[in-house]
C-alpha atoms as a PDB file:
ATOM      1  CA  MET A   1      91.070  34.676 142.333  1.00  0.00           C
ATOM      2  CA  MET A   2      89.166  37.534 142.974  1.00  0.00           C
ATOM      3  CA  LEU A   3      88.219  38.560 139.500  1.00  0.00           C
ATOM      4  CA  GLU A   4      86.698  35.505 138.326  1.00  0.00           C
ATOM      5  CA  LYS A   5      84.473  36.613 141.736  1.00  0.00           C
ATOM      6  CA  LEU A   6      83.849  39.532 140.377  1.00  0.00           C
ATOM      7  CA  ARG A   7      82.712  38.004 136.704  1.00  0.00           C
ATOM      8  CA  ASN A   8      79.706  40.059 135.530  1.00  0.00           C
ATOM      9  CA  LYS A   9      79.549  42.302 138.675  1.00  0.00           C
ATOM     10  CA  ARG A  10      80.015  45.963 139.317  1.00  0.00           C
ATOM     11  CA  VAL A  11      82.727  46.963 142.866  1.00  0.00           C
ATOM     12  CA  ALA A  12      81.844  50.924 143.748  1.00  0.00           C
ATOM     13  CA  PHE A  13      83.769  52.541 146.009  1.00  0.00           C
ATOM     14  CA  VAL A  14      82.220  55.829 148.161  1.00  0.00           C
ATOM     15  CA  GLY A  15      83.963  58.460 150.238  1.00  0.00           C
ATOM     16  CA  ASP A  16      86.914  60.597 150.513  1.00  0.00           C
ATOM     17  CA  SER A  17      90.201  60.106 149.037  1.00  0.00           C
ATOM     18  CA  ILE A  18      91.422  57.448 151.146  1.00  0.00           C
ATOM     19  CA  GLY A  19      88.912  56.181 149.839  1.00  0.00           C
ATOM     20  CA  ARG A  20      90.336  56.623 146.334  1.00  0.00           C
ATOM     21  CA  ASN A  21      93.387  54.911 148.070  1.00  0.00           C
ATOM     22  CA  GLN A  22      92.310  51.931 147.876  1.00  0.00           C
ATOM     23  CA  TRP A  23      89.969  52.163 145.187  1.00  0.00           C
ATOM     24  CA  GLU A  24      93.371  52.217 142.902  1.00  0.00           C
ATOM     25  CA  SER A  25      94.753  49.762 145.580  1.00  0.00           C
ATOM     26  CA  LEU A  26      92.261  46.960 143.950  1.00  0.00           C
ATOM     27  CA  LEU A  27      93.214  48.356 140.873  1.00  0.00           C
ATOM     28  CA  CYS A  28      96.475  47.509 141.433  1.00  0.00           C
ATOM     29  CA  MET A  29      96.012  44.480 142.537  1.00  0.00           C
ATOM     30  CA  LEU A  30      93.127  42.768 139.862  1.00  0.00           C
ATOM     31  CA  SER A  31      94.973  44.494 137.004  1.00  0.00           C
ATOM     32  CA  SER A  32      98.542  42.398 137.887  1.00  0.00           C
ATOM     33  CA  GLU A  33      96.620  39.289 136.690  1.00  0.00           C
ATOM     34  CA  ILE A  34      95.609  40.889 133.203  1.00  0.00           C
ATOM     35  CA  PRO A  35      98.558  40.082 130.712  1.00  0.00           C
ATOM     36  CA  ASP A  36      96.755  42.317 128.307  1.00  0.00           C
ATOM     37  CA  GLU A  37      96.722  45.896 129.228  1.00  0.00           C
ATOM     38  CA  ASN A  38      94.461  47.395 127.169  1.00  0.00           C
ATOM     39  CA  SER A  39      91.838  44.817 127.934  1.00  0.00           C
ATOM     40  CA  ILE A  40      91.417  47.045 131.203  1.00  0.00           C
ATOM     41  CA  TYR A  41      90.295  50.867 130.504  1.00  0.00           C
ATOM     42  CA  GLU A  42      88.347  53.721 131.911  1.00  0.00           C
ATOM     43  CA  VAL A  43      84.761  53.308 130.475  1.00  0.00           C
ATOM     44  CA  ASN A  44      84.588  57.232 129.850  1.00  0.00           C
ATOM     45  CA  GLY A  45      88.275  57.817 128.630  1.00  0.00           C
ATOM     46  CA  SER A  46      89.092  59.579 131.573  1.00  0.00           C
ATOM     47  CA  PRO A  47      92.628  60.464 132.427  1.00  0.00           C
ATOM     48  CA  ILE A  48      93.420  58.694 136.111  1.00  0.00           C
ATOM     49  CA  THR A  49      93.796  62.120 138.180  1.00  0.00           C
ATOM     50  CA  LYS A  50      92.907  64.201 140.895  1.00  0.00           C
ATOM     51  CA  HIS A  51      89.456  65.556 139.996  1.00  0.00           C
ATOM     52  CA  LYS A  52      85.793  66.022 141.727  1.00  0.00           C
ATOM     53  CA  GLY A  53      83.616  63.461 140.230  1.00  0.00           C
ATOM     54  CA  PHE A  54      83.853  59.658 139.223  1.00  0.00           C
ATOM     55  CA  LEU A  55      86.016  56.847 137.319  1.00  0.00           C
ATOM     56  CA  VAL A  56      84.764  53.913 135.924  1.00  0.00           C
ATOM     57  CA  PHE A  57      87.532  51.220 134.694  1.00  0.00           C
ATOM     58  CA  LEU A  58      86.526  47.959 132.770  1.00  0.00           C
ATOM     59  CA  PHE A  59      88.337  44.685 133.287  1.00  0.00           C
ATOM     60  CA  LYS A  60      86.130  43.377 129.730  1.00  0.00           C
ATOM     61  CA  ASP A  61      87.738  39.566 129.953  1.00  0.00           C
ATOM     62  CA  TYR A  62      85.537  39.283 132.979  1.00  0.00           C
ATOM     63  CA  ASN A  63      82.740  42.280 132.165  1.00  0.00           C
ATOM     64  CA  CYS A  64      83.580  43.469 135.423  1.00  0.00           C
ATOM     65  CA  THR A  65      83.651  47.576 136.646  1.00  0.00           C
ATOM     66  CA  VAL A  66      85.693  49.031 139.729  1.00  0.00           C
ATOM     67  CA  GLU A  67      84.318  52.646 140.132  1.00  0.00           C
ATOM     68  CA  TYR A  68      85.594  55.259 141.807  1.00  0.00           C
ATOM     69  CA  TYR A  69      83.055  57.936 143.150  1.00  0.00           C
ATOM     70  CA  ARG A  70      84.155  60.997 145.133  1.00  0.00           C
ATOM     71  CA  ALA A  71      81.646  62.188 147.970  1.00  0.00           C
ATOM     72  CA  PRO A  72      83.440  63.151 150.880  1.00  0.00           C
ATOM     73  CA  PHE A  73      80.651  63.633 153.056  1.00  0.00           C
ATOM     74  CA  LEU A  74      78.209  60.713 152.054  1.00  0.00           C
ATOM     75  CA  VAL A  75      75.485  62.478 152.523  1.00  0.00           C
ATOM     76  CA  LEU A  76      74.251  66.082 150.291  1.00  0.00           C
ATOM     77  CA  GLN A  77      76.467  68.920 150.199  1.00  0.00           C
ATOM     78  CA  SER A  78      74.529  71.940 148.732  1.00  0.00           C
ATOM     79  CA  ARG A  79      74.475  75.605 148.345  1.00  0.00           C
ATOM     80  CA  PRO A  80      72.631  77.264 151.484  1.00  0.00           C
ATOM     81  CA  PRO A  81      69.104  78.490 151.930  1.00  0.00           C
ATOM     82  CA  VAL A  82      68.076  81.707 150.589  1.00  0.00           C
ATOM     83  CA  GLY A  83      68.337  83.953 153.464  1.00  0.00           C
ATOM     84  CA  SER A  84      71.174  81.698 155.313  1.00  0.00           C
ATOM     85  CA  ASN A  85      73.351  83.916 157.753  1.00  0.00           C
ATOM     86  CA  GLN A  86      76.658  86.057 155.669  1.00  0.00           C
ATOM     87  CA  LYS A  87      79.070  83.047 156.979  1.00  0.00           C
ATOM     88  CA  VAL A  88      77.634  79.941 155.536  1.00  0.00           C
ATOM     89  CA  ARG A  89      78.585  79.253 151.750  1.00  0.00           C
ATOM     90  CA  THR A  90      77.635  76.025 151.301  1.00  0.00           C
ATOM     91  CA  THR A  91      75.889  73.264 153.842  1.00  0.00           C
ATOM     92  CA  LEU A  92      76.075  70.569 154.123  1.00  0.00           C
ATOM     93  CA  LYS A  93      72.334  67.966 153.866  1.00  0.00           C
ATOM     94  CA  LEU A  94      72.530  65.761 156.962  1.00  0.00           C
ATOM     95  CA  ASP A  95      69.042  64.087 155.495  1.00  0.00           C
ATOM     96  CA  GLN A  96      69.934  63.684 152.412  1.00  0.00           C
ATOM     97  CA  MET A  97      72.679  61.530 150.383  1.00  0.00           C
ATOM     98  CA  ASP A  98      74.942  62.969 148.070  1.00  0.00           C
ATOM     99  CA  TRP A  99      73.620  63.204 144.066  1.00  0.00           C
ATOM    100  CA  SER A 100      75.724  60.415 143.064  1.00  0.00           C
ATOM    101  CA  SER A 101      74.308  57.505 145.101  1.00  0.00           C
ATOM    102  CA  MET A 102      71.910  57.662 142.315  1.00  0.00           C
ATOM    103  CA  LYS A 103      75.162  56.315 139.958  1.00  0.00           C
ATOM    104  CA  TRP A 104      76.161  53.710 142.908  1.00  0.00           C
ATOM    105  CA  ARG A 105      73.044  52.282 144.534  1.00  0.00           C
ATOM    106  CA  TYR A 106      72.480  49.088 142.082  1.00  0.00           C
ATOM    107  CA  ALA A 107      76.013  48.043 142.581  1.00  0.00           C
ATOM    108  CA  ASP A 108      77.148  44.139 143.249  1.00  0.00           C
ATOM    109  CA  LEU A 109      79.625  45.692 145.692  1.00  0.00           C
ATOM    110  CA  LEU A 110      79.423  48.829 147.583  1.00  0.00           C
ATOM    111  CA  ILE A 111      82.262  50.062 149.888  1.00  0.00           C
ATOM    112  CA  LEU A 112      81.858  53.247 151.449  1.00  0.00           C
ATOM    113  CA  ASN A 113      83.893  55.346 153.689  1.00  0.00           C
ATOM    114  CA  THR A 114      83.926  58.737 155.116  1.00  0.00           C
ATOM    115  CA  GLY A 115      85.324  60.908 157.792  1.00  0.00           C
ATOM    116  CA  HIS A 116      88.912  62.731 157.038  1.00  0.00           C
ATOM    117  CA  TRP A 117      86.070  65.790 156.027  1.00  0.00           C
ATOM    118  CA  TRP A 118      84.470  65.634 159.251  1.00  0.00           C
ATOM    119  CA  ASN A 119      86.498  68.263 161.011  1.00  0.00           C
ATOM    120  CA  TYR A 120      85.721  71.838 162.087  1.00  0.00           C
ATOM    121  CA  GLU A 121      88.632  72.878 159.452  1.00  0.00           C
ATOM    122  CA  LYS A 122      86.487  71.291 156.258  1.00  0.00           C
ATOM    123  CA  THR A 123      83.619  72.515 157.511  1.00  0.00           C
ATOM    124  CA  ILE A 124      82.812  74.789 160.168  1.00  0.00           C
ATOM    125  CA  ARG A 125      85.987  76.931 159.554  1.00  0.00           C
ATOM    126  CA  GLY A 126      85.009  77.528 155.708  1.00  0.00           C
ATOM    127  CA  GLY A 127      81.695  77.891 155.681  1.00  0.00           C
ATOM    128  CA  ASN A 128      80.259  74.636 155.654  1.00  0.00           C
ATOM    129  CA  TYR A 129      76.893  74.404 157.951  1.00  0.00           C
ATOM    130  CA  PHE A 130      75.201  71.504 158.743  1.00  0.00           C
ATOM    131  CA  GLN A 131      71.422  71.215 157.140  1.00  0.00           C
ATOM    132  CA  GLU A 132      68.637  69.694 158.878  1.00  0.00           C
ATOM    133  CA  GLY A 133      65.567  70.154 156.753  1.00  0.00           C
ATOM    134  CA  PRO A 134      64.911  73.889 155.695  1.00  0.00           C
ATOM    135  CA  GLU A 135      66.870  74.668 158.209  1.00  0.00           C
ATOM    136  CA  VAL A 136      70.464  76.017 158.842  1.00  0.00           C
ATOM    137  CA  LYS A 137      71.957  74.709 162.314  1.00  0.00           C
ATOM    138  CA  MET A 138      74.425  76.715 163.237  1.00  0.00           C
ATOM    139  CA  ASP A 139      75.400  76.222 166.836  1.00  0.00           C
ATOM    140  CA  MET A 140      75.371  72.356 165.478  1.00  0.00           C
ATOM    141  CA  SER A 141      79.312  70.482 166.603  1.00  0.00           C
ATOM    142  CA  VAL A 142      80.621  68.736 164.012  1.00  0.00           C
ATOM    143  CA  GLU A 143      80.464  65.541 166.263  1.00  0.00           C
ATOM    144  CA  THR A 144      76.522  65.161 165.832  1.00  0.00           C
ATOM    145  CA  ALA A 145      76.340  66.394 162.300  1.00  0.00           C
ATOM    146  CA  TYR A 146      78.719  63.119 161.579  1.00  0.00           C
ATOM    147  CA  HIS A 147      76.824  61.557 163.783  1.00  0.00           C
ATOM    148  CA  LYS A 148      73.555  62.363 162.119  1.00  0.00           C
ATOM    149  CA  SER A 149      75.102  61.332 158.496  1.00  0.00           C
ATOM    150  CA  ILE A 150      75.872  58.192 160.045  1.00  0.00           C
ATOM    151  CA  GLU A 151      72.097  57.098 160.748  1.00  0.00           C
ATOM    152  CA  THR A 152      71.288  58.718 156.970  1.00  0.00           C
ATOM    153  CA  VAL A 153      73.868  56.561 155.444  1.00  0.00           C
ATOM    154  CA  VAL A 154      72.327  53.560 157.211  1.00  0.00           C
ATOM    155  CA  ASN A 155      68.881  54.693 157.185  1.00  0.00           C
ATOM    156  CA  TRP A 156      69.695  54.743 153.384  1.00  0.00           C
ATOM    157  CA  ILE A 157      70.627  51.689 153.234  1.00  0.00           C
ATOM    158  CA  ARG A 158      68.050  50.246 155.048  1.00  0.00           C
ATOM    159  CA  SER A 159      65.490  51.309 152.741  1.00  0.00           C
ATOM    160  CA  ASN A 160      67.680  51.096 149.484  1.00  0.00           C
ATOM    161  CA  LEU A 161      69.940  48.071 148.855  1.00  0.00           C
ATOM    162  CA  VAL A 162      68.718  45.654 152.076  1.00  0.00           C
ATOM    163  CA  SER A 163      66.146  43.683 149.430  1.00  0.00           C
ATOM    164  CA  ARG A 164      68.584  43.625 146.289  1.00  0.00           C
ATOM    165  CA  LYS A 165      71.696  42.119 145.725  1.00  0.00           C
ATOM    166  CA  THR A 166      73.942  44.394 146.859  1.00  0.00           C
ATOM    167  CA  ARG A 167      75.994  43.710 149.532  1.00  0.00           C
ATOM    168  CA  VAL A 168      77.373  47.072 151.372  1.00  0.00           C
ATOM    169  CA  PHE A 169      80.753  47.664 153.794  1.00  0.00           C
ATOM    170  CA  PHE A 170      81.195  50.284 155.945  1.00  0.00           C
ATOM    171  CA  ARG A 171      85.345  50.973 155.932  1.00  0.00           C
ATOM    172  CA  THR A 172      86.120  52.610 159.124  1.00  0.00           C
ATOM    173  CA  PHE A 173      88.479  55.822 160.132  1.00  0.00           C
ATOM    174  CA  ALA A 174      92.052  54.902 158.675  1.00  0.00           C
ATOM    175  CA  PRO A 175      94.029  56.566 161.074  1.00  0.00           C
ATOM    176  CA  VAL A 176      96.843  59.704 160.489  1.00  0.00           C
ATOM    177  CA  HIS A 177     100.458  60.103 161.905  1.00  0.00           C
ATOM    178  CA  PHE A 178     101.337  63.403 161.771  1.00  0.00           C
ATOM    179  CA  ARG A 179     104.246  64.422 164.407  1.00  0.00           C
ATOM    180  CA  GLY A 180     104.512  67.984 165.249  1.00  0.00           C
ATOM    181  CA  GLY A 181     101.755  69.358 164.213  1.00  0.00           C
ATOM    182  CA  SER A 182      98.865  68.027 161.429  1.00  0.00           C
ATOM    183  CA  TRP A 183      98.223  68.536 157.884  1.00  0.00           C
ATOM    184  CA  ARG A 184      98.384  72.723 158.014  1.00  0.00           C
ATOM    185  CA  ASN A 185     100.671  73.020 160.392  1.00  0.00           C
ATOM    186  CA  GLY A 186     103.801  71.531 159.201  1.00  0.00           C
ATOM    187  CA  GLY A 187     103.160  67.548 161.198  1.00  0.00           C
ATOM    188  CA  THR A 188     105.975  65.310 159.560  1.00  0.00           C
ATOM    189  CA  CYS A 189     106.085  61.243 158.841  1.00  0.00           C
ATOM    190  CA  HIS A 190     109.208  61.248 156.133  1.00  0.00           C
ATOM    191  CA  MET A 191     111.839  59.245 158.650  1.00  0.00           C
ATOM    192  CA  GLU A 192     109.423  56.775 159.569  1.00  0.00           C
ATOM    193  CA  SER A 193     110.678  53.484 158.264  1.00  0.00           C
ATOM    194  CA  LEU A 194     109.036  50.953 161.424  1.00  0.00           C
ATOM    195  CA  PRO A 195     105.517  50.277 162.499  1.00  0.00           C
ATOM    196  CA  GLU A 196     104.545  51.308 165.985  1.00  0.00           C
ATOM    197  CA  LEU A 197     103.370  49.238 168.789  1.00  0.00           C
ATOM    198  CA  GLY A 198     101.840  52.227 170.301  1.00  0.00           C
ATOM    199  CA  SER A 199      99.479  54.932 169.777  1.00  0.00           C
ATOM    200  CA  SER A 200     100.997  58.237 170.625  1.00  0.00           C
ATOM    201  CA  LEU A 201     100.887  59.933 166.806  1.00  0.00           C
ATOM    202  CA  VAL A 202      97.312  59.488 166.293  1.00  0.00           C
ATOM    203  CA  PRO A 203      94.717  61.669 167.455  1.00  0.00           C
ATOM    204  CA  ALA A 204      91.863  61.681 169.276  1.00  0.00           C
ATOM    205  CA  GLN A 205      89.320  62.786 166.858  1.00  0.00           C
ATOM    206  CA  THR A 206      90.269  59.382 164.896  1.00  0.00           C
ATOM    207  CA  TRP A 207      89.154  57.151 168.049  1.00  0.00           C
ATOM    208  CA  ALA A 208      85.953  60.032 167.899  1.00  0.00           C
ATOM    209  CA  GLN A 209      84.810  59.326 165.020  1.00  0.00           C
ATOM    210  CA  PHE A 210      85.392  55.222 165.434  1.00  0.00           C
ATOM    211  CA  LYS A 211      83.209  55.391 168.423  1.00  0.00           C
ATOM    212  CA  ILE A 212      80.061  57.136 166.894  1.00  0.00           C
ATOM    213  CA  VAL A 213      80.137  54.611 163.657  1.00  0.00           C
ATOM    214  CA  ALA A 214      80.588  51.622 166.092  1.00  0.00           C
ATOM    215  CA  ASP A 215      77.957  52.606 168.381  1.00  0.00           C
ATOM    216  CA  ILE A 216      75.179  53.291 165.278  1.00  0.00           C
ATOM    217  CA  LEU A 217      75.896  50.335 163.576  1.00  0.00           C
ATOM    218  CA  SER A 218      75.576  48.006 166.859  1.00  0.00           C
ATOM    219  CA  ALA A 219      72.884  49.745 167.897  1.00  0.00           C
ATOM    220  CA  TYR A 220      70.812  49.373 164.417  1.00  0.00           C
ATOM    221  CA  SER A 221      72.274  45.361 163.931  1.00  0.00           C
ATOM    222  CA  ASN A 222      71.377  44.793 167.357  1.00  0.00           C
ATOM    223  CA  LYS A 223      67.510  45.347 165.017  1.00  0.00           C
ATOM    224  CA  SER A 224      67.609  43.600 162.427  1.00  0.00           C
ATOM    225  CA  HIS A 225      69.835  42.623 159.941  1.00  0.00           C
ATOM    226  CA  MET A 226      70.974  45.206 157.478  1.00  0.00           C
ATOM    227  CA  GLY A 227      72.722  43.569 154.699  1.00  0.00           C
ATOM    228  CA  LEU A 228      76.193  45.851 155.989  1.00  0.00           C
ATOM    229  CA  ASP A 229      79.208  44.692 156.854  1.00  0.00           C
ATOM    230  CA  VAL A 230      81.462  46.851 158.972  1.00  0.00           C
ATOM    231  CA  LEU A 231      85.412  47.146 157.404  1.00  0.00           C
ATOM    232  CA  ASN A 232      86.999  47.611 160.468  1.00  0.00           C
ATOM    233  CA  ILE A 233      90.839  48.364 159.235  1.00  0.00           C
ATOM    234  CA  THR A 234      90.900  51.096 162.366  1.00  0.00           C
ATOM    235  CA  TYR A 235      93.273  49.055 165.189  1.00  0.00           C
ATOM    236  CA  MET A 236      94.933  47.240 162.129  1.00  0.00           C
ATOM    237  CA  THR A 237      96.306  50.229 160.328  1.00  0.00           C
ATOM    238  CA  LEU A 238      97.493  52.249 163.384  1.00  0.00           C
ATOM    239  CA  PRO A 239     100.542  51.388 163.770  1.00  0.00           C
ATOM    240  CA  ARG A 240     101.835  51.840 160.403  1.00  0.00           C
ATOM    241  CA  LYS A 241     102.853  55.493 160.717  1.00  0.00           C
ATOM    242  CA  ASP A 242     105.773  54.271 158.712  1.00  0.00           C
ATOM    243  CA  GLY A 243     103.016  53.703 155.506  1.00  0.00           C
ATOM    244  CA  HIS A 244     102.959  57.366 154.184  1.00  0.00           C
ATOM    245  CA  SER A 245     103.794  58.965 151.443  1.00  0.00           C
ATOM    246  CA  SER A 246     104.818  61.660 153.143  1.00  0.00           C
ATOM    247  CA  LEU A 247     107.425  64.170 151.148  1.00  0.00           C
ATOM    248  CA  TYR A 248     106.717  61.948 148.078  1.00  0.00           C
ATOM    249  CA  TYR A 249     102.607  62.414 146.939  1.00  0.00           C
ATOM    250  CA  GLN A 250     103.610  64.308 143.999  1.00  0.00           C
ATOM    251  CA  GLY A 251     105.024  61.199 142.235  1.00  0.00           C
ATOM    252  CA  PRO A 252     108.588  61.317 141.085  1.00  0.00           C
ATOM    253  CA  GLU A 253     108.093  63.888 138.059  1.00  0.00           C
ATOM    254  CA  ALA A 254     107.797  66.473 140.561  1.00  0.00           C
ATOM    255  CA  GLY A 255     110.242  64.899 143.176  1.00  0.00           C
ATOM    256  CA  PRO A 256     109.952  64.986 146.867  1.00  0.00           C
ATOM    257  CA  ALA A 257     107.149  67.965 148.285  1.00  0.00           C
ATOM    258  CA  PRO A 258     109.125  70.919 150.870  1.00  0.00           C
ATOM    259  CA  LEU A 259     109.602  69.089 154.556  1.00  0.00           C
ATOM    260  CA  HIS A 260     106.203  71.130 156.229  1.00  0.00           C
ATOM    261  CA  ARG A 261     104.020  69.609 153.539  1.00  0.00           C
ATOM    262  CA  GLN A 262     103.553  66.948 153.994  1.00  0.00           C
ATOM    263  CA  ASP A 263     100.970  63.879 153.530  1.00  0.00           C
ATOM    264  CA  CYS A 264     100.278  61.501 156.494  1.00  0.00           C
ATOM    265  CA  SER A 265      96.874  60.375 155.624  1.00  0.00           C
ATOM    266  CA  HIS A 266      97.486  58.659 152.501  1.00  0.00           C
ATOM    267  CA  TRP A 267      99.178  55.500 151.685  1.00  0.00           C
ATOM    268  CA  CYS A 268     102.033  54.779 149.722  1.00  0.00           C
ATOM    269  CA  LEU A 269     101.270  51.348 147.284  1.00  0.00           C
ATOM    270  CA  PRO A 270     101.716  48.867 147.128  1.00  0.00           C
ATOM    271  CA  GLY A 271     100.885  49.202 151.009  1.00  0.00           C
ATOM    272  CA  VAL A 272      98.501  49.294 153.521  1.00  0.00           C
ATOM    273  CA  PRO A 273      95.396  49.847 151.674  1.00  0.00           C
ATOM    274  CA  ASP A 274      96.534  46.548 150.210  1.00  0.00           C
ATOM    275  CA  ALA A 275      96.176  44.937 152.930  1.00  0.00           C
ATOM    276  CA  TRP A 276      92.400  46.411 153.764  1.00  0.00           C
ATOM    277  CA  ASN A 277      91.656  44.915 150.223  1.00  0.00           C
ATOM    278  CA  GLU A 278      92.862  41.683 151.099  1.00  0.00           C
ATOM    279  CA  LEU A 279      90.411  41.814 154.074  1.00  0.00           C
ATOM    280  CA  LEU A 280      87.633  43.186 151.687  1.00  0.00           C
ATOM    281  CA  TYR A 281      88.294  39.433 149.783  1.00  0.00           C
ATOM    282  CA  ALA A 282      87.972  37.817 152.875  1.00  0.00           C
ATOM    283  CA  LEU A 283      84.392  38.992 153.964  1.00  0.00           C
ATOM    284  CA  VAL A 284      83.239  38.158 150.301  1.00  0.00           C
ATOM    285  CA  LEU A 285      84.671  34.927 150.351  1.00  0.00           C
ATOM    286  CA  LYS A 286      82.990  34.506 153.762  1.00  0.00           C
ATOM    287  CA  GLN A 287      80.111  35.640 152.908  1.00  0.00           C
ATOM    288  CA  ASP A 288      79.636  33.629 150.034  1.00  0.00           C
ATOM    289  CA  GLU A 289      80.126  30.178 151.960  1.00  0.00           C
ATOM    290  CA  ILE A 290      77.898  31.061 154.440  1.00  0.00           C
ATOM    291  CA  GLN A 291      74.882  31.600 151.499  1.00  0.00           C
ATOM    292  CA  THR A 292      76.175  27.907 150.107  1.00  0.00           C
ATOM    293  CA  ARG A 293      75.564  26.745 153.588  1.00  0.00           C
ATOM    294  CA  ASN A 294      72.105  28.077 154.332  1.00  0.00           C
ATOM    295  CA  SER A 295      71.103  27.290 149.990  1.00  0.00           C
ATOM    296  CA  PHE A 296      72.310  23.534 151.533  1.00  0.00           C
ATOM    297  CA  ASP A 297      70.319  24.041 154.579  1.00  0.00           C
ATOM    298  CA  GLU A 298      67.258  25.262 153.201  1.00  0.00           C
ATOM    299  CA  GLY A 299      67.208  22.095 150.067  1.00  0.00           C
ATOM    300  CA  ASP A 300      67.492  19.870 153.116  1.00  0.00           C
ATOM    301  CA  PHE A 301      64.551  21.424 154.972  1.00  0.00           C
ATOM    302  CA  ILE A 302      62.499  20.946 151.802  1.00  0.00           C
ATOM    303  CA  ALA A 303      63.480  17.217 151.117  1.00  0.00           C
ATOM    304  CA  GLN A 304      62.528  16.206 154.333  1.00  0.00           C
ATOM    305  CA  ASN A 305      59.504  17.448 154.664  1.00  0.00           C
END
């Protein structure tokens, strides 16, 4: 039972709204095992609605918290330096972690994700440029900035978490499945009822971001043990064009959205993110088994000497 594994522990999801999707999934999965719903509550009394902060749910009987922190870029979004170009409304400081990192750096299980906001529309088009040190890089591409941000995340993990109890998981990019357009111009998925065996609906951006993350994590893991596991859900999620909330993301009271305003990024629950959390639990069990085996090996070595 996963809750028993999480007794007296903090689980923190950090990232964009797809990360929140996974957090909500785990909340539902864990709470289904609890007969007394009053023993599960948000510690600050905050409602579980969309907002720009963080939520911490306590499972009282297990003294376990399952937390979500909104940090869609993982690095720090801030005001531009004085004297910046008039185009610059905000900057992403590629060499600094998000301000909320002080809140989740001591979690026992830390699940990070980023990617869906790393595109032209969410950055440069909206006046959100990239900054290194005091300098705003007006000509830096989104791909280069994303690469630098992932390096910052990895270096932060190595500097702050390797010697501590925190287990870190980086979840890879979850594909979107818009047909006939994108989220801005009428892309749809509401008629999808079966998975797809090919990849025709998946934009090239998915693979570009996946390669950036894979290359960086592979390079660092070859140098030393970072205390980081990759939760690789990209390929397993690829066929699931049938799993998105499509017209129904506004909830049952609001009814279906207009056909040109579909959500083919986020996922229905129960649904695809449940499988991600099952994979997460399998990785936790695997780590526990390795630690147990290593402790036995150490004990045998000491006894023999």
